[in-house]
């Protein structure tokens, strides 16, 4: 595996677990601490396409910032999509982690066993 990027938060146990899978597999990867280097709205759109998910699918709705923004009450339609993406770009803490961009052009939300298995 080469040219891999992990959107990583070192304080998150799930993020550390995904990084360990990459390390154990000898992957050549770049660690992007996305809280310090947030993705743009365009990058989020690209990743959503690769994940096959919508922005509300990767939003951490229990975070204090999400509650302050009131995202739980936001619509979940195509017309609402840009609002969600802009919120994720402006508040990267709301992005589910870790997201791994693979060398073959896929993206994996590596939060659970299935996601981690996709990295092996």
N, C-alpha and C. Protein backbone atom coordinates (compact mmCIF):
# COMPACT_ATOMS: atom_id res chain seq x y z
N UNK A 1 0.86 -1.18 0.00
CA UNK A 1 0.00 0.00 0.00
C UNK A 1 0.90 1.24 0.00
N UNK A 2 0.67 2.16 -0.90
CA UNK A 2 1.47 3.38 -0.96
C UNK A 2 0.55 4.56 -1.24
N UNK A 3 1.05 5.75 -1.00
CA UNK A 3 0.30 6.97 -1.25
C UNK A 3 -1.05 6.99 -0.54
N UNK A 4 -1.03 6.59 0.69
CA UNK A 4 -2.23 6.56 1.52
C UNK A 4 -2.21 7.78 2.42
N UNK A 5 -3.39 8.31 2.71
CA UNK A 5 -3.51 9.43 3.64
C UNK A 5 -4.56 9.08 4.68
N UNK A 6 -4.23 9.32 5.94
CA UNK A 6 -5.19 9.10 7.01
C UNK A 6 -5.52 10.44 7.64
N UNK A 7 -6.81 10.75 7.71
CA UNK A 7 -7.27 11.93 8.44
C UNK A 7 -7.34 11.48 9.89
N UNK A 8 -6.41 11.96 10.67
CA UNK A 8 -6.12 11.39 11.97
C UNK A 8 -6.26 12.42 13.09
N UNK A 9 -6.81 11.94 14.21
CA UNK A 9 -6.82 12.69 15.45
C UNK A 9 -6.15 11.79 16.49
N UNK A 10 -4.93 12.13 16.91
CA UNK A 10 -4.20 11.24 17.82
C UNK A 10 -4.88 11.03 19.18
N UNK A 11 -5.85 11.87 19.54
CA UNK A 11 -6.56 11.70 20.80
C UNK A 11 -7.69 10.68 20.70
N UNK A 12 -8.00 10.23 19.50
CA UNK A 12 -9.12 9.32 19.26
C UNK A 12 -8.62 7.87 19.18
N UNK A 13 -9.20 7.00 20.00
CA UNK A 13 -8.78 5.60 20.03
C UNK A 13 -9.05 4.90 18.69
N UNK A 14 -10.14 5.22 18.03
CA UNK A 14 -10.45 4.60 16.74
C UNK A 14 -9.47 5.05 15.67
N UNK A 15 -9.07 6.29 15.75
CA UNK A 15 -8.08 6.82 14.82
C UNK A 15 -6.72 6.16 15.06
N UNK A 16 -6.36 6.00 16.31
CA UNK A 16 -5.09 5.33 16.64
C UNK A 16 -5.11 3.87 16.19
N UNK A 17 -6.27 3.21 16.32
CA UNK A 17 -6.38 1.81 15.88
C UNK A 17 -6.18 1.69 14.37
N UNK A 18 -6.75 2.60 13.61
CA UNK A 18 -6.58 2.56 12.15
C UNK A 18 -5.12 2.83 11.78
N UNK A 19 -4.50 3.75 12.48
CA UNK A 19 -3.09 4.05 12.21
C UNK A 19 -2.23 2.83 12.53
N UNK A 20 -2.57 2.10 13.58
CA UNK A 20 -1.84 0.89 13.94
C UNK A 20 -1.97 -0.18 12.84
N UNK A 21 -3.17 -0.30 12.25
CA UNK A 21 -3.35 -1.25 11.15
C UNK A 21 -2.45 -0.87 9.98
N UNK A 22 -2.39 0.41 9.67
CA UNK A 22 -1.51 0.87 8.59
C UNK A 22 -0.05 0.58 8.93
N UNK A 23 0.34 0.87 10.17
CA UNK A 23 1.72 0.61 10.60
C UNK A 23 2.04 -0.88 10.52
N UNK A 24 1.14 -1.72 11.05
CA UNK A 24 1.36 -3.16 11.05
C UNK A 24 1.47 -3.73 9.64
N UNK A 25 0.75 -3.11 8.71
CA UNK A 25 0.80 -3.55 7.32
C UNK A 25 1.95 -2.97 6.53
N UNK A 26 2.76 -2.14 7.18
CA UNK A 26 3.90 -1.53 6.50
C UNK A 26 3.51 -0.50 5.47
N UNK A 27 2.36 0.10 5.64
CA UNK A 27 1.86 1.07 4.66
C UNK A 27 2.72 2.33 4.64
N UNK A 28 2.90 2.85 3.46
CA UNK A 28 3.52 4.16 3.26
C UNK A 28 2.38 5.16 3.25
N UNK A 29 2.27 5.97 4.30
CA UNK A 29 1.13 6.87 4.39
C UNK A 29 1.53 8.24 4.93
N UNK A 30 0.63 9.17 4.69
CA UNK A 30 0.75 10.51 5.22
C UNK A 30 -0.32 10.68 6.28
N UNK A 31 0.08 11.18 7.42
CA UNK A 31 -0.86 11.44 8.50
C UNK A 31 -1.30 12.90 8.40
N UNK A 32 -2.57 13.10 8.20
CA UNK A 32 -3.11 14.45 8.14
C UNK A 32 -3.89 14.71 9.43
N UNK A 33 -3.35 15.53 10.27
CA UNK A 33 -4.06 15.90 11.49
C UNK A 33 -5.10 16.94 11.10
N UNK A 34 -6.26 16.43 10.77
CA UNK A 34 -7.28 17.26 10.12
C UNK A 34 -7.86 18.35 11.02
N UNK A 35 -7.63 18.27 12.32
CA UNK A 35 -8.07 19.37 13.19
C UNK A 35 -7.13 20.57 13.03
N UNK A 36 -5.85 20.29 12.74
CA UNK A 36 -4.86 21.35 12.51
C UNK A 36 -4.82 21.79 11.06
N UNK A 37 -5.15 20.87 10.16
CA UNK A 37 -5.11 21.11 8.72
C UNK A 37 -6.45 20.65 8.13
N UNK A 38 -7.51 21.42 8.37
CA UNK A 38 -8.85 20.97 7.98
C UNK A 38 -9.01 20.83 6.46
N UNK A 39 -9.81 19.85 6.06
CA UNK A 39 -10.10 19.71 4.64
C UNK A 39 -11.03 20.82 4.17
N UNK A 40 -10.88 21.17 2.93
CA UNK A 40 -11.76 22.18 2.33
C UNK A 40 -13.11 21.53 2.00
N UNK A 41 -14.06 22.35 1.68
CA UNK A 41 -15.37 21.84 1.26
C UNK A 41 -15.21 20.96 0.02
N UNK A 42 -14.34 21.35 -0.90
CA UNK A 42 -14.11 20.56 -2.11
C UNK A 42 -13.51 19.20 -1.76
N UNK A 43 -12.58 19.16 -0.82
CA UNK A 43 -12.00 17.88 -0.41
C UNK A 43 -13.05 16.99 0.26
N UNK A 44 -13.92 17.60 1.06
CA UNK A 44 -14.97 16.83 1.72
C UNK A 44 -15.93 16.25 0.67
N UNK A 45 -16.29 17.04 -0.33
CA UNK A 45 -17.15 16.53 -1.41
C UNK A 45 -16.50 15.34 -2.11
N UNK A 46 -15.20 15.47 -2.39
CA UNK A 46 -14.46 14.39 -3.06
C UNK A 46 -14.46 13.13 -2.20
N UNK A 47 -14.18 13.27 -0.93
CA UNK A 47 -14.14 12.13 -0.02
C UNK A 47 -15.53 11.50 0.12
N UNK A 48 -16.56 12.31 0.20
CA UNK A 48 -17.92 11.77 0.28
C UNK A 48 -18.23 10.91 -0.94
N UNK A 49 -17.81 11.38 -2.11
CA UNK A 49 -18.01 10.60 -3.33
C UNK A 49 -17.29 9.27 -3.27
N UNK A 50 -16.07 9.28 -2.76
CA UNK A 50 -15.30 8.04 -2.64
C UNK A 50 -15.88 7.11 -1.58
N UNK A 51 -16.44 7.68 -0.53
CA UNK A 51 -17.05 6.88 0.52
C UNK A 51 -18.44 6.36 0.12
N UNK A 52 -19.08 7.08 -0.80
CA UNK A 52 -20.45 6.75 -1.15
C UNK A 52 -21.42 7.12 -0.04
N UNK A 53 -21.08 8.19 0.69
CA UNK A 53 -21.89 8.64 1.83
C UNK A 53 -22.30 10.09 1.65
N UNK A 54 -23.22 10.52 2.48
CA UNK A 54 -23.65 11.90 2.53
C UNK A 54 -22.98 12.58 3.73
N UNK A 55 -22.93 13.90 3.75
CA UNK A 55 -22.23 14.59 4.84
C UNK A 55 -22.80 14.28 6.22
N UNK A 56 -24.11 14.11 6.30
CA UNK A 56 -24.71 13.79 7.60
C UNK A 56 -24.31 12.40 8.08
N UNK A 57 -23.86 11.54 7.15
CA UNK A 57 -23.41 10.20 7.53
C UNK A 57 -22.05 10.23 8.23
N UNK A 58 -21.28 11.29 8.02
CA UNK A 58 -19.95 11.36 8.62
C UNK A 58 -19.85 12.49 9.64
N UNK A 59 -20.98 12.98 10.11
CA UNK A 59 -21.00 14.08 11.08
C UNK A 59 -21.16 13.53 12.49
N UNK A 60 -20.31 14.01 13.36
CA UNK A 60 -20.37 13.65 14.79
C UNK A 60 -21.41 14.57 15.44
N UNK A 61 -22.65 14.11 15.44
CA UNK A 61 -23.76 14.96 15.88
C UNK A 61 -23.83 15.14 17.39
N UNK A 62 -23.09 14.34 18.15
CA UNK A 62 -23.11 14.47 19.61
C UNK A 62 -22.10 15.49 20.13
N UNK A 63 -21.24 15.98 19.27
CA UNK A 63 -20.25 16.98 19.67
C UNK A 63 -20.94 18.27 20.10
N UNK A 64 -20.32 18.98 21.03
CA UNK A 64 -20.88 20.24 21.51
C UNK A 64 -21.09 21.22 20.36
N UNK A 65 -20.14 21.27 19.43
CA UNK A 65 -20.26 22.18 18.28
C UNK A 65 -21.49 21.83 17.44
N UNK A 66 -21.77 20.56 17.28
CA UNK A 66 -22.94 20.13 16.50
C UNK A 66 -24.22 20.57 17.18
N UNK A 67 -24.23 20.46 18.50
CA UNK A 67 -25.41 20.89 19.25
C UNK A 67 -25.58 22.40 19.17
N UNK A 68 -24.48 23.14 19.25
CA UNK A 68 -24.55 24.61 19.13
C UNK A 68 -25.07 25.01 17.76
N UNK A 69 -24.65 24.29 16.72
CA UNK A 69 -25.11 24.59 15.36
C UNK A 69 -26.53 24.12 15.11
N UNK A 70 -26.99 23.17 15.92
CA UNK A 70 -28.33 22.63 15.74
C UNK A 70 -28.45 21.66 14.58
N UNK A 71 -27.37 20.94 14.25
CA UNK A 71 -27.38 20.09 13.07
C UNK A 71 -28.43 18.98 13.13
N UNK A 72 -28.81 18.56 14.33
CA UNK A 72 -29.81 17.50 14.45
C UNK A 72 -31.13 17.89 13.78
N UNK A 73 -31.39 19.18 13.71
CA UNK A 73 -32.64 19.66 13.11
C UNK A 73 -32.51 19.98 11.63
N UNK A 74 -31.31 19.90 11.08
CA UNK A 74 -31.11 20.23 9.67
C UNK A 74 -31.70 19.14 8.78
N UNK A 75 -32.17 19.56 7.62
CA UNK A 75 -32.69 18.62 6.65
C UNK A 75 -31.59 17.73 6.10
N UNK A 76 -32.02 16.63 5.55
CA UNK A 76 -31.08 15.66 4.98
C UNK A 76 -31.49 15.33 3.56
N UNK A 77 -31.50 16.38 2.74
CA UNK A 77 -31.85 16.22 1.33
C UNK A 77 -30.73 16.80 0.49
N UNK A 78 -30.81 16.59 -0.79
CA UNK A 78 -29.80 17.13 -1.71
C UNK A 78 -29.69 18.65 -1.56
N UNK A 79 -30.80 19.30 -1.29
CA UNK A 79 -30.80 20.76 -1.13
C UNK A 79 -30.05 21.19 0.14
N UNK A 80 -29.96 20.30 1.11
CA UNK A 80 -29.29 20.62 2.38
C UNK A 80 -27.82 20.23 2.38
N UNK A 81 -27.38 19.50 1.39
CA UNK A 81 -26.05 18.90 1.36
C UNK A 81 -24.94 19.94 1.53
N UNK A 82 -25.00 21.05 0.80
CA UNK A 82 -23.94 22.06 0.88
C UNK A 82 -23.82 22.66 2.27
N UNK A 83 -24.94 22.85 2.93
CA UNK A 83 -24.91 23.40 4.29
C UNK A 83 -24.12 22.48 5.22
N UNK A 84 -24.35 21.18 5.12
CA UNK A 84 -23.64 20.20 5.93
C UNK A 84 -22.14 20.20 5.60
N UNK A 85 -21.82 20.22 4.31
CA UNK A 85 -20.42 20.19 3.89
C UNK A 85 -19.69 21.43 4.38
N UNK A 86 -20.30 22.58 4.26
CA UNK A 86 -19.68 23.82 4.74
C UNK A 86 -19.47 23.77 6.25
N UNK A 87 -20.42 23.19 6.98
CA UNK A 87 -20.27 23.06 8.44
C UNK A 87 -19.09 22.14 8.77
N UNK A 88 -18.94 21.05 8.04
CA UNK A 88 -17.81 20.15 8.28
C UNK A 88 -16.48 20.83 7.98
N UNK A 89 -16.44 21.62 6.92
CA UNK A 89 -15.20 22.33 6.58
C UNK A 89 -14.87 23.39 7.64
N UNK A 90 -15.88 24.06 8.15
CA UNK A 90 -15.67 25.11 9.15
C UNK A 90 -15.44 24.55 10.56
N UNK A 91 -15.94 23.34 10.80
CA UNK A 91 -15.86 22.72 12.13
C UNK A 91 -15.36 21.28 11.97
N UNK A 92 -14.06 21.10 11.66
CA UNK A 92 -13.56 19.75 11.36
C UNK A 92 -13.72 18.75 12.50
N UNK A 93 -13.89 19.21 13.73
CA UNK A 93 -14.11 18.30 14.85
C UNK A 93 -15.38 17.46 14.63
N UNK A 94 -16.27 17.95 13.78
CA UNK A 94 -17.52 17.24 13.51
C UNK A 94 -17.36 16.06 12.55
N UNK A 95 -16.20 15.95 11.91
CA UNK A 95 -15.98 14.89 10.93
C UNK A 95 -15.67 13.58 11.66
N UNK A 96 -16.42 12.52 11.31
CA UNK A 96 -16.12 11.20 11.85
C UNK A 96 -14.69 10.83 11.48
N UNK A 97 -14.03 10.13 12.35
CA UNK A 97 -12.66 9.74 12.12
C UNK A 97 -12.45 8.28 12.46
N UNK A 98 -11.43 7.74 11.91
CA UNK A 98 -10.54 8.25 10.88
C UNK A 98 -11.09 7.96 9.49
N UNK A 99 -10.68 8.77 8.57
CA UNK A 99 -10.96 8.52 7.16
C UNK A 99 -9.61 8.24 6.51
N UNK A 100 -9.55 7.14 5.77
CA UNK A 100 -8.32 6.75 5.09
C UNK A 100 -8.56 6.82 3.59
N UNK A 101 -7.72 7.58 2.92
CA UNK A 101 -7.76 7.69 1.46
C UNK A 101 -6.72 6.70 0.94
N UNK A 102 -7.16 5.72 0.19
CA UNK A 102 -6.28 4.63 -0.23
C UNK A 102 -5.57 4.95 -1.54
N UNK A 103 -4.53 4.19 -1.79
CA UNK A 103 -3.72 4.39 -2.99
C UNK A 103 -4.51 4.10 -4.27
N UNK A 104 -5.54 3.26 -4.16
CA UNK A 104 -6.31 2.90 -5.35
C UNK A 104 -7.51 3.83 -5.59
N UNK A 105 -7.54 4.97 -4.86
CA UNK A 105 -8.57 5.97 -5.09
C UNK A 105 -9.83 5.83 -4.26
N UNK A 106 -9.86 4.86 -3.35
CA UNK A 106 -11.03 4.69 -2.49
C UNK A 106 -10.84 5.53 -1.23
N UNK A 107 -11.90 5.62 -0.46
CA UNK A 107 -11.83 6.19 0.89
C UNK A 107 -12.55 5.21 1.80
N UNK A 108 -12.04 5.09 3.02
CA UNK A 108 -12.60 4.17 3.99
C UNK A 108 -12.82 4.91 5.30
N UNK A 109 -14.01 4.80 5.85
CA UNK A 109 -14.28 5.30 7.18
C UNK A 109 -13.94 4.14 8.11
N UNK A 110 -12.79 4.21 8.75
CA UNK A 110 -12.23 3.07 9.48
C UNK A 110 -12.56 3.13 10.98
N UNK A 111 -13.83 3.24 11.30
CA UNK A 111 -14.27 3.34 12.69
C UNK A 111 -14.61 2.01 13.32
N UNK A 112 -14.81 0.98 12.50
CA UNK A 112 -15.25 -0.30 13.03
C UNK A 112 -14.46 -1.44 12.38
N UNK A 113 -14.77 -2.66 12.73
CA UNK A 113 -14.04 -3.82 12.23
C UNK A 113 -14.08 -3.89 10.70
N UNK A 114 -15.24 -3.61 10.10
CA UNK A 114 -15.33 -3.66 8.63
C UNK A 114 -14.40 -2.64 7.98
N UNK A 115 -14.40 -1.43 8.53
CA UNK A 115 -13.53 -0.39 7.99
C UNK A 115 -12.06 -0.75 8.15
N UNK A 116 -11.70 -1.27 9.32
CA UNK A 116 -10.32 -1.68 9.56
C UNK A 116 -9.93 -2.84 8.65
N UNK A 117 -10.84 -3.79 8.43
CA UNK A 117 -10.56 -4.90 7.54
C UNK A 117 -10.29 -4.42 6.12
N UNK A 118 -10.96 -3.36 5.71
CA UNK A 118 -10.75 -2.82 4.36
C UNK A 118 -9.35 -2.24 4.19
N UNK A 119 -8.69 -1.96 5.30
CA UNK A 119 -7.32 -1.43 5.24
C UNK A 119 -6.27 -2.52 5.20
N UNK A 120 -6.65 -3.72 5.55
CA UNK A 120 -5.67 -4.83 5.62
C UNK A 120 -5.39 -5.38 4.26
